[in-house]
């Protein structure tokens, strides 16, 4: 399915969310969908997310789909599209969406809005497009308020005028210097009794905070971590530690983490982890029990562990340690050296390439 999208923000409204009165914005969003070269008409299914250039998820309207899958994820939004045009208020808690933490988005590096779309055919879910979000969030609020009830033609005219004004200002002012990239940050996290691979005496420790429904976590698992295990863990140079950070908009992530830890009580954590990442859409209780049978676990003990949520406190501890280190997205990694039951090292956010991980590991291995 060939999908082409054009999107813009019709307006923004500022709201105060939660007891701490954290500022958040509701974005009156409009987009255009073309399928196979023509304007789409009818009911389509959508998922929206805001993420940064490193892949950290800053906000999402609901659960993520899997490319090509036909099954709709939790909280997929059904929207009527007319002549290729559709509208949706993003971050509107009154409609059941999570609030958008504007401050967090503005502090991120090159945040963008990603739109997933499914026309209901056998072609399934596809990424419809990515749009930079920071200019809209940073725009003058008076312009935003004026746009909440305007037509598509008026919105196009406003966008053209804003672009012309911006070009005029840029001509009159010296070119702005590009913002310096955020400096690398070292953090300290505890290891506790988290599942690990490799020798306890390995000189380098790689700690991952993961979410079993996170597509970027799956990408890291499938494309990076297996190679690092073969090259460094099996050679006794790196110890790999798995910790959990199930995100609140992934309803199956915490049950999956519990299932993995329950399997770990029978010595099969890593095998169950691999099974869960094979299909991040198959994370139901039935899927857990099927995997447990295939791994030849004691089903009665495994079921009792699932029912009592015995590993729950360990997952809560993982969340607390992540928050203390300023880790809010997945996958996140800390690569460093262990001192007792803690590791201090470089914080890496997102599904980086294998070369990025290898460079940091090799640097640590070459330093006394």
Protein backbone atom coordinates (compact mmCIF):
# COMPACT_ATOMS: atom_id res chain seq x y z
CA UNK A 1 0.00 0.00 0.00
CA UNK A 2 1.40 3.35 -1.05
CA UNK A 3 0.45 5.97 1.53
CA UNK A 4 1.36 9.63 1.19
CA UNK A 5 0.46 12.08 3.90
CA UNK A 6 0.50 15.81 4.39
CA UNK A 7 -0.19 17.13 7.84
CA UNK A 8 -0.42 20.36 9.79
CA UNK A 9 -1.63 21.67 13.13
CA UNK A 10 -4.81 23.70 13.06
CA UNK A 11 -4.38 25.00 16.59
CA UNK A 12 -3.29 24.49 20.16
CA UNK A 13 -4.98 24.98 23.51
CA UNK A 14 -3.04 25.19 26.76
CA UNK A 15 -4.24 23.15 29.73
CA UNK A 16 -2.99 22.36 33.25
CA UNK A 17 -2.86 18.64 33.91
CA UNK A 18 -2.54 16.74 37.19
CA UNK A 19 -1.94 17.69 40.79
CA UNK A 20 1.47 19.14 40.05
CA UNK A 21 -0.10 21.49 37.48
CA UNK A 22 2.26 20.52 34.69
CA UNK A 23 1.56 22.52 31.51
CA UNK A 24 0.30 20.46 28.59
CA UNK A 25 -1.12 21.29 25.20
CA UNK A 26 -3.96 19.85 23.18
CA UNK A 27 -3.05 19.87 19.51
CA UNK A 28 -5.81 20.35 16.96
CA UNK A 29 -4.25 18.24 14.27
CA UNK A 30 -5.24 17.81 10.65
CA UNK A 31 -3.64 15.53 8.10
CA UNK A 32 -4.14 14.32 4.55
CA UNK A 33 -4.02 10.71 3.47
CA UNK A 34 -3.48 9.48 -0.09
CA UNK A 35 -3.68 5.73 -0.72
CA UNK A 36 -2.39 4.31 -4.00
CA UNK A 37 -2.23 7.80 -5.51
CA UNK A 38 -5.80 8.82 -4.64
CA UNK A 39 -7.42 10.74 -1.80
CA UNK A 40 -8.69 8.33 0.82
CA UNK A 41 -12.37 8.46 1.76
CA UNK A 42 -14.06 6.56 4.54
CA UNK A 43 -13.25 5.37 8.03
CA UNK A 44 -9.59 4.81 8.76
CA UNK A 45 -7.75 3.67 11.87
CA UNK A 46 -4.96 5.82 13.30
CA UNK A 47 -2.28 5.74 15.99
CA UNK A 48 -0.27 8.87 16.79
CA UNK A 49 3.01 9.20 18.67
CA UNK A 50 5.61 11.85 19.41
CA UNK A 51 9.21 10.71 19.66
CA UNK A 52 12.69 12.15 19.47
CA UNK A 53 15.46 11.52 16.97
CA UNK A 54 16.89 8.76 19.19
CA UNK A 55 13.63 6.80 19.15
CA UNK A 56 12.50 7.66 22.68
CA UNK A 57 8.70 7.71 22.85
CA UNK A 58 7.61 11.01 24.39
CA UNK A 59 3.85 10.53 23.96
CA UNK A 60 1.47 8.13 22.23
CA UNK A 61 -2.27 8.09 21.63
CA UNK A 62 -2.42 4.38 22.35
CA UNK A 63 -0.75 1.07 21.73
CA UNK A 64 1.57 0.68 18.74
CA UNK A 65 0.65 -1.43 15.72
CA UNK A 66 3.02 -3.74 13.89
CA UNK A 67 3.75 -2.90 10.25
CA UNK A 68 1.63 -5.05 7.97
CA UNK A 69 -0.54 -6.40 10.80
CA UNK A 70 -4.30 -6.21 10.29
CA UNK A 71 -5.31 -6.45 13.94
CA UNK A 72 -5.95 -3.08 15.56
CA UNK A 73 -3.95 -2.37 18.72
CA UNK A 74 -5.46 -1.06 21.94
CA UNK A 75 -6.84 2.48 21.58
CA UNK A 76 -6.50 2.71 17.81
CA UNK A 77 -8.56 5.73 16.80
CA UNK A 78 -11.23 5.37 14.11
CA UNK A 79 -11.51 8.65 12.20
CA UNK A 80 -13.63 9.64 9.22
CA UNK A 81 -11.52 10.82 6.28
CA UNK A 82 -13.18 12.95 3.58
CA UNK A 83 -11.36 13.75 0.35
CA UNK A 84 -8.14 12.69 2.04
CA UNK A 85 -8.53 15.11 4.98
CA UNK A 86 -9.03 14.17 8.63
CA UNK A 87 -8.76 15.93 12.00
CA UNK A 88 -8.08 14.86 15.57
CA UNK A 89 -7.41 16.61 18.89
CA UNK A 90 -4.18 15.05 20.14
CA UNK A 91 -3.63 14.92 23.88
CA UNK A 92 -7.30 15.57 24.62
CA UNK A 93 -7.84 13.77 27.93
CA UNK A 94 -11.59 14.31 27.67
CA UNK A 95 -11.64 11.88 24.73
CA UNK A 96 -9.48 9.34 26.53
CA UNK A 97 -6.04 10.30 25.19
CA UNK A 98 -3.02 10.74 27.46
CA UNK A 99 -2.00 14.37 28.01
CA UNK A 100 1.00 15.71 26.10
CA UNK A 101 3.82 16.86 28.37
CA UNK A 102 4.83 19.93 26.40
CA UNK A 103 7.93 20.66 28.46
CA UNK A 104 9.28 17.16 27.89
CA UNK A 105 8.66 17.36 24.14
CA UNK A 106 10.30 20.78 23.83
CA UNK A 107 13.34 19.56 25.77
CA UNK A 108 13.81 16.58 23.43
CA UNK A 109 16.11 16.53 20.42
CA UNK A 110 14.25 17.01 17.11
CA UNK A 111 10.88 15.61 18.24
CA UNK A 112 8.45 14.58 15.54
CA UNK A 113 4.89 13.34 15.24
CA UNK A 114 4.50 9.89 13.69
CA UNK A 115 1.19 8.78 12.18
CA UNK A 116 0.28 5.11 11.71
CA UNK A 117 -2.66 4.35 9.40
CA UNK A 118 -4.76 1.32 8.51
CA UNK A 119 -7.46 1.55 5.84
CA UNK A 120 -9.04 -1.68 7.06
CA UNK A 121 -7.85 -3.75 4.12
CA UNK A 122 -5.62 -6.79 4.16
CA UNK A 123 -2.65 -4.50 3.59
CA UNK A 124 -2.67 -3.64 7.28
CA UNK A 125 -0.89 -0.94 9.26
CA UNK A 126 1.66 1.38 7.67
CA UNK A 127 3.56 4.48 8.76
CA UNK A 128 1.74 7.35 7.05
CA UNK A 129 4.36 10.00 7.79
CA UNK A 130 6.53 11.93 10.24
CA UNK A 131 6.18 15.65 10.96
CA UNK A 132 8.47 17.91 13.09
CA UNK A 133 6.50 18.94 16.17
CA UNK A 134 8.68 21.48 17.99
CA UNK A 135 7.87 24.46 15.71
CA UNK A 136 4.15 23.99 16.36
CA UNK A 137 4.56 23.63 20.13
CA UNK A 138 6.84 26.68 20.23
CA UNK A 139 4.56 28.83 18.06
CA UNK A 140 2.87 31.95 19.37
CA UNK A 141 -0.17 30.91 21.39
CA UNK A 142 -2.39 33.63 19.96
CA UNK A 143 -1.97 32.16 16.47
CA UNK A 144 -2.84 28.77 17.91
CA UNK A 145 -6.00 29.98 19.63
CA UNK A 146 -7.21 31.62 16.44
CA UNK A 147 -6.92 28.39 14.51
CA UNK A 148 -9.12 26.05 16.50
CA UNK A 149 -12.19 26.37 14.29
CA UNK A 150 -10.75 27.31 10.90
CA UNK A 151 -11.20 25.52 7.62
CA UNK A 152 -8.57 23.54 5.76
CA UNK A 153 -8.18 26.36 3.20
CA UNK A 154 -7.71 28.90 5.97
CA UNK A 155 -5.15 26.69 7.67
CA UNK A 156 -3.17 26.44 4.41
CA UNK A 157 -3.26 30.22 4.06
CA UNK A 158 -2.04 30.72 7.63
CA UNK A 159 0.79 28.27 7.08
CA UNK A 160 1.86 30.08 3.89
CA UNK A 161 1.81 33.41 5.70
CA UNK A 162 3.84 32.05 8.61
CA UNK A 163 6.42 30.62 6.21
CA UNK A 164 6.68 33.96 4.38
CA UNK A 165 7.09 35.85 7.66
CA UNK A 166 9.72 33.42 8.87
CA UNK A 167 11.65 33.78 5.60
CA UNK A 168 11.54 37.58 5.94
CA UNK A 169 12.81 37.48 9.52
CA UNK A 170 15.61 35.09 8.57
CA UNK A 171 16.73 37.51 5.83
CA UNK A 172 16.92 40.36 8.33
CA UNK A 173 18.75 38.43 11.04
CA UNK A 174 22.13 36.68 11.00
CA UNK A 175 21.97 32.94 10.61
CA UNK A 176 21.43 31.22 13.93
CA UNK A 177 24.08 28.84 15.10
CA UNK A 178 22.90 25.23 15.29
CA UNK A 179 22.15 24.05 18.79
CA UNK A 180 24.92 22.03 20.37
CA UNK A 181 24.03 18.37 20.88
CA UNK A 182 23.21 17.33 24.41
CA UNK A 183 26.39 16.25 26.21
CA UNK A 184 26.79 12.58 27.11
CA UNK A 185 25.41 11.82 30.54
CA UNK A 186 26.65 9.30 33.07
CA UNK A 187 24.19 7.73 35.52
CA UNK A 188 24.30 5.11 38.24
CA UNK A 189 21.82 2.25 38.48
CA UNK A 190 21.57 -0.72 40.81
CA UNK A 191 21.74 -4.30 39.60
CA UNK A 192 19.99 -6.07 42.45
CA UNK A 193 18.89 -9.57 41.49
CA UNK A 194 18.04 -8.64 37.90
CA UNK A 195 18.49 -11.41 35.30
CA UNK A 196 21.90 -11.31 33.68
CA UNK A 197 23.97 -13.05 31.03
CA UNK A 198 27.72 -13.44 31.20
CA UNK A 199 30.35 -13.68 33.87
CA UNK A 200 29.86 -11.76 37.11
CA UNK A 201 33.51 -10.66 36.83
CA UNK A 202 33.17 -9.22 33.31
CA UNK A 203 34.91 -5.81 33.13
CA UNK A 204 31.98 -4.08 31.42
CA UNK A 205 28.28 -4.21 32.31
CA UNK A 206 25.44 -3.37 29.92
CA UNK A 207 22.11 -2.70 31.65
CA UNK A 208 18.97 -2.46 29.52
CA UNK A 209 15.61 -1.03 30.57
CA UNK A 210 13.08 -2.57 28.21
CA UNK A 211 9.37 -2.82 27.38
CA UNK A 212 8.04 -5.92 25.63
CA UNK A 213 5.55 -3.91 23.54
CA UNK A 214 8.06 -1.27 22.48
CA UNK A 215 8.93 -1.64 18.75
CA UNK A 216 12.35 -0.07 19.31
CA UNK A 217 13.07 -2.56 22.10
CA UNK A 218 12.28 -5.36 19.66
CA UNK A 219 14.59 -3.75 17.12
CA UNK A 220 17.39 -3.62 19.68
CA UNK A 221 16.74 -7.22 20.75
CA UNK A 222 16.64 -8.58 17.22
CA UNK A 223 19.32 -6.50 15.55
CA UNK A 224 21.85 -5.48 18.19
CA UNK A 225 21.85 -7.39 21.46
CA UNK A 226 22.20 -10.84 19.90
CA UNK A 227 25.37 -9.71 18.12
CA UNK A 228 26.79 -8.10 21.26
CA UNK A 229 26.14 -11.31 23.18
CA UNK A 230 28.08 -13.37 20.68
CA UNK A 231 31.00 -10.95 20.44
CA UNK A 232 31.37 -9.76 24.03
CA UNK A 233 29.19 -11.65 26.51
CA UNK A 234 30.19 -15.14 25.36
CA UNK A 235 33.81 -13.99 25.42
CA UNK A 236 33.59 -12.97 29.09
CA UNK A 237 34.07 -9.25 28.34
CA UNK A 238 30.54 -7.95 29.01
CA UNK A 239 27.81 -8.84 31.43
CA UNK A 240 24.32 -8.10 30.10
CA UNK A 241 21.57 -7.21 32.62
CA UNK A 242 17.86 -6.95 31.85
CA UNK A 243 15.56 -4.60 33.75
CA UNK A 244 11.96 -3.69 33.06
CA UNK A 245 10.35 -0.35 32.27
CA UNK A 246 6.82 -1.11 30.98
CA UNK A 247 5.39 2.15 29.66
CA UNK A 248 1.90 3.17 30.83
CA UNK A 249 0.37 3.17 27.33
CA UNK A 250 1.48 -0.43 26.71
CA UNK A 251 -1.10 -2.49 28.66
CA UNK A 252 0.52 -5.85 27.89
CA UNK A 253 4.09 -4.83 28.70
CA UNK A 254 3.91 -5.38 32.45
CA UNK A 255 2.10 -8.74 32.21
CA UNK A 256 4.80 -9.80 29.73
CA UNK A 257 7.53 -8.69 32.14
CA UNK A 258 5.85 -10.73 34.88
CA UNK A 259 5.72 -13.77 32.57
CA UNK A 260 9.43 -13.45 31.79
CA UNK A 261 10.35 -13.19 35.46
CA UNK A 262 8.06 -16.10 36.32
CA UNK A 263 9.91 -18.18 33.73
CA UNK A 264 13.13 -16.94 35.31
CA UNK A 265 12.12 -18.59 38.58
CA UNK A 266 12.51 -21.85 36.66
CA UNK A 267 15.78 -20.80 35.00
CA UNK A 268 14.20 -19.83 31.67
CA UNK A 269 14.08 -16.02 31.77
CA UNK A 270 16.17 -15.42 28.65
CA UNK A 271 14.39 -18.12 26.67
CA UNK A 272 11.01 -16.63 27.58
CA UNK A 273 12.29 -13.13 26.80
CA UNK A 274 13.23 -14.31 23.30
CA UNK A 275 9.78 -15.84 22.82
CA UNK A 276 8.03 -12.63 23.90
CA UNK A 277 10.06 -10.50 21.52
CA UNK A 278 9.31 -12.85 18.60
CA UNK A 279 5.82 -11.39 18.32
CA UNK A 280 5.13 -8.29 20.38
CA UNK A 281 1.45 -8.47 19.43
CA UNK A 282 1.06 -11.93 20.97
CA UNK A 283 1.30 -11.00 24.64
CA UNK A 284 -1.87 -12.44 26.12
CA UNK A 285 -2.11 -14.87 29.01
CA UNK A 286 -2.77 -17.65 26.51
CA UNK A 287 0.43 -16.72 24.67
CA UNK A 288 2.41 -16.84 27.92
CA UNK A 289 1.06 -20.29 28.78
CA UNK A 290 1.76 -21.56 25.27
CA UNK A 291 5.36 -20.35 25.50
CA UNK A 292 5.71 -21.91 28.96
CA UNK A 293 4.56 -25.27 27.59
CA UNK A 294 7.01 -25.05 24.70
CA UNK A 295 9.81 -24.31 27.18
CA UNK A 296 8.67 -27.31 29.25
CA UNK A 297 8.12 -25.25 32.41
CA UNK A 298 6.19 -26.48 35.42
CA UNK A 299 2.84 -25.06 34.24
CA UNK A 300 1.21 -25.18 37.66
CA UNK A 301 4.05 -23.17 39.25
CA UNK A 302 4.19 -20.79 36.29
CA UNK A 303 0.42 -20.19 36.39
CA UNK A 304 0.52 -19.56 40.14
CA UNK A 305 3.28 -17.00 39.59
CA UNK A 306 1.23 -15.24 36.90
CA UNK A 307 -1.91 -15.20 39.07
CA UNK A 308 -0.20 -13.83 42.17
CA UNK A 309 1.96 -11.42 40.15
CA UNK A 310 4.80 -12.51 42.37
CA UNK A 311 7.48 -10.53 40.45
CA UNK A 312 5.48 -7.28 40.72
CA UNK A 313 7.72 -5.70 43.40
CA UNK A 314 10.82 -6.36 41.28
CA UNK A 315 9.24 -4.51 38.35
CA UNK A 316 8.25 -1.66 40.65
CA UNK A 317 11.86 -1.47 41.80
CA UNK A 318 13.04 -1.35 38.19
CA UNK A 319 10.69 1.59 37.54
CA UNK A 320 11.90 3.44 40.63
CA UNK A 321 15.57 2.99 39.73
CA UNK A 322 14.89 4.14 36.17
CA UNK A 323 13.15 7.27 37.43
CA UNK A 324 15.98 8.01 39.86
CA UNK A 325 18.44 7.91 36.93
CA UNK A 326 16.21 10.12 34.77
CA UNK A 327 15.29 7.26 32.43
CA UNK A 328 11.79 7.68 31.01
CA UNK A 329 11.81 5.88 27.65
CA UNK A 330 12.68 2.51 26.19
CA UNK A 331 14.96 1.02 25.28
CA UNK A 332 17.50 2.76 27.50
CA UNK A 333 20.96 1.41 28.27
CA UNK A 334 23.67 2.11 30.80
CA UNK A 335 27.13 0.93 29.79
CA UNK A 336 29.86 1.11 32.40
CA UNK A 337 31.71 -0.64 35.18
CA UNK A 338 30.23 -2.30 38.21
CA UNK A 339 31.11 -1.33 41.77
CA UNK A 340 29.37 -3.69 44.14
CA UNK A 341 25.73 -3.97 43.13
CA UNK A 342 25.71 -0.73 41.11
CA UNK A 343 26.87 0.30 37.65
CA UNK A 344 27.97 3.78 36.69
CA UNK A 345 28.27 4.52 33.02
CA UNK A 346 27.04 6.23 29.88
CA UNK A 347 23.28 6.53 29.40
CA UNK A 348 22.23 5.63 25.85
CA UNK A 349 18.60 6.13 24.82
CA UNK A 350 17.02 4.44 21.84
CA UNK A 351 17.82 1.60 19.49
CA UNK A 352 21.32 2.67 18.48
CA UNK A 353 23.34 0.86 15.87
CA UNK A 354 25.64 -2.02 16.74
CA UNK A 355 28.63 0.18 15.89
CA UNK A 356 27.64 2.75 18.54
CA UNK A 357 27.49 0.06 21.23
CA UNK A 358 30.73 -1.54 20.11
CA UNK A 359 32.57 1.78 20.15
CA UNK A 360 31.57 2.47 23.76
CA UNK A 361 32.31 -1.08 24.90
CA UNK A 362 35.72 -1.13 23.17
CA UNK A 363 36.58 2.23 24.77
CA UNK A 364 35.82 0.85 28.23
CA UNK A 365 37.72 -2.37 27.55
CA UNK A 366 40.79 -0.42 26.45
CA UNK A 367 40.74 1.79 29.56
CA UNK A 368 42.24 0.37 32.75
